Amino acid sequence: MGSFDVLLNDARTQFEAFVEEYRSALESSLDGLTDEQARSRLVPSATTLLGLLKHVTWMQRVWFEECIGGRSRL
């Protein structure tokens, strides 16, 4: 189910659908790529697909540590 299929549902259901859709999109973008391809820059900035994956992974870990674990980053 895509995130636009749940627009009339509650906010949590919408949020979970958006997160899952973006996780799937990132995963499918990396599927079948070599390490070199995942590290290549496709835009003028230093952004790479592997860098996006690392950022998303880090943000989810921080969110769980703070929201679920009650630990502060500071």
C-alpha atoms as a PDB file:
ATOM      1  CA  MET A   1       0.000   0.000   0.000  1.00  0.00           C
ATOM      2  CA  GLY A   2       1.460   3.366  -1.011  1.00  0.00           C
ATOM      3  CA  SER A   3       1.382   6.468   1.147  1.00  0.00           C
ATOM      4  CA  PHE A   4      -1.250   8.102  -1.067  1.00  0.00           C
ATOM      5  CA  ASP A   5      -3.578   5.145  -0.490  1.00  0.00           C
ATOM      6  CA  VAL A   6      -3.963   6.065   3.201  1.00  0.00           C
ATOM      7  CA  LEU A   7      -4.538   9.825   2.984  1.00  0.00           C
ATOM      8  CA  LEU A   8      -7.890   9.599   4.741  1.00  0.00           C
ATOM      9  CA  ASN A   9      -6.564   7.463   7.613  1.00  0.00           C
ATOM     10  CA  ASP A  10      -5.143   8.703  10.902  1.00  0.00           C
ATOM     11  CA  ALA A  11      -1.813  10.553  11.048  1.00  0.00           C
ATOM     12  CA  ARG A  12       0.152   7.579  12.399  1.00  0.00           C
ATOM     13  CA  THR A  13      -0.997   5.310   9.563  1.00  0.00           C
ATOM     14  CA  GLN A  14      -0.051   8.004   7.044  1.00  0.00           C
ATOM     15  CA  PHE A  15       3.356   8.524   8.663  1.00  0.00           C
ATOM     16  CA  GLU A  16       4.124   4.797   8.723  1.00  0.00           C
ATOM     17  CA  ALA A  17       3.118   4.486   5.063  1.00  0.00           C
ATOM     18  CA  PHE A  18       5.356   7.421   4.061  1.00  0.00           C
ATOM     19  CA  VAL A  19       8.345   6.033   6.006  1.00  0.00           C
ATOM     20  CA  GLU A  20       7.911   2.567   4.504  1.00  0.00           C
ATOM     21  CA  GLU A  21       7.531   3.995   1.002  1.00  0.00           C
ATOM     22  CA  TYR A  22      10.740   6.038   1.323  1.00  0.00           C
ATOM     23  CA  ARG A  23      12.635   3.084   2.826  1.00  0.00           C
ATOM     24  CA  SER A  24      11.544   0.941  -0.103  1.00  0.00           C
ATOM     25  CA  ALA A  25      12.496   3.638  -2.620  1.00  0.00           C
ATOM     26  CA  LEU A  26      15.997   3.975  -1.150  1.00  0.00           C
ATOM     27  CA  GLU A  27      16.430   0.205  -1.008  1.00  0.00           C
ATOM     28  CA  SER A  28      15.343  -0.252  -4.620  1.00  0.00           C
ATOM     29  CA  SER A  29      17.675   2.587  -5.694  1.00  0.00           C
ATOM     30  CA  LEU A  30      20.633   0.698  -4.225  1.00  0.00           C
ATOM     31  CA  ASP A  31      19.553  -2.762  -5.361  1.00  0.00           C
ATOM     32  CA  GLY A  32      22.070  -4.295  -7.750  1.00  0.00           C
ATOM     33  CA  LEU A  33      24.599  -1.446  -7.534  1.00  0.00           C
ATOM     34  CA  THR A  34      28.274  -2.073  -6.955  1.00  0.00           C
ATOM     35  CA  ASP A  35      29.986  -0.376  -4.026  1.00  0.00           C
ATOM     36  CA  GLU A  36      31.609   2.034  -6.461  1.00  0.00           C
ATOM     37  CA  GLN A  37      28.255   2.935  -8.010  1.00  0.00           C
ATOM     38  CA  ALA A  38      26.636   3.491  -4.587  1.00  0.00           C
ATOM     39  CA  ARG A  39      29.506   5.842  -3.666  1.00  0.00           C
ATOM     40  CA  SER A  40      29.466   7.849  -6.906  1.00  0.00           C
ATOM     41  CA  ARG A  41      28.329  11.469  -6.876  1.00  0.00           C
ATOM     42  CA  LEU A  42      25.446  12.154  -9.223  1.00  0.00           C
ATOM     43  CA  VAL A  43      24.938  15.796  -8.256  1.00  0.00           C
ATOM     44  CA  PRO A  44      27.378  18.712  -7.720  1.00  0.00           C
ATOM     45  CA  SER A  45      27.254  18.249  -3.918  1.00  0.00           C
ATOM     46  CA  ALA A  46      28.927  15.407  -2.032  1.00  0.00           C
ATOM     47  CA  THR A  47      25.616  13.512  -1.887  1.00  0.00           C
ATOM     48  CA  THR A  48      25.708   9.822  -2.830  1.00  0.00           C
ATOM     49  CA  LEU A  49      23.164   7.012  -2.505  1.00  0.00           C
ATOM     50  CA  LEU A  50      25.352   5.367   0.129  1.00  0.00           C
ATOM     51  CA  GLY A  51      25.541   8.693   1.980  1.00  0.00           C
ATOM     52  CA  LEU A  52      21.750   8.946   1.952  1.00  0.00           C
ATOM     53  CA  LEU A  53      21.488   5.407   3.349  1.00  0.00           C
ATOM     54  CA  LYS A  54      23.966   6.227   6.124  1.00  0.00           C
ATOM     55  CA  HIS A  55      22.035   9.403   6.971  1.00  0.00           C
ATOM     56  CA  VAL A  56      18.663   7.623   7.103  1.00  0.00           C
ATOM     57  CA  THR A  57      20.146   4.819   9.225  1.00  0.00           C
ATOM     58  CA  TRP A  58      21.701   7.313  11.635  1.00  0.00           C
ATOM     59  CA  MET A  59      18.480   9.352  11.933  1.00  0.00           C
ATOM     60  CA  GLN A  60      16.394   6.270  12.677  1.00  0.00           C
ATOM     61  CA  ARG A  61      18.881   5.131  15.335  1.00  0.00           C
ATOM     62  CA  VAL A  62      18.812   8.580  16.973  1.00  0.00           C
ATOM     63  CA  TRP A  63      15.016   8.635  16.869  1.00  0.00           C
ATOM     64  CA  PHE A  64      14.754   5.227  18.536  1.00  0.00           C
ATOM     65  CA  GLU A  65      17.355   6.098  21.177  1.00  0.00           C
ATOM     66  CA  GLU A  66      15.599   9.361  22.053  1.00  0.00           C
ATOM     67  CA  CYS A  67      11.926   8.466  21.627  1.00  0.00           C
ATOM     68  CA  ILE A  68      11.928   4.828  22.627  1.00  0.00           C
ATOM     69  CA  GLY A  69      15.020   4.563  24.810  1.00  0.00           C
ATOM     70  CA  GLY A  70      14.676   7.948  26.513  1.00  0.00           C
ATOM     71  CA  ARG A  71      18.340   8.781  25.854  1.00  0.00           C
ATOM     72  CA  SER A  72      19.352  12.269  24.794  1.00  0.00           C
ATOM     73  CA  ARG A  73      21.946  12.951  22.093  1.00  0.00           C
ATOM     74  CA  LEU A  74      23.360  15.820  24.144  1.00  0.00           C
END
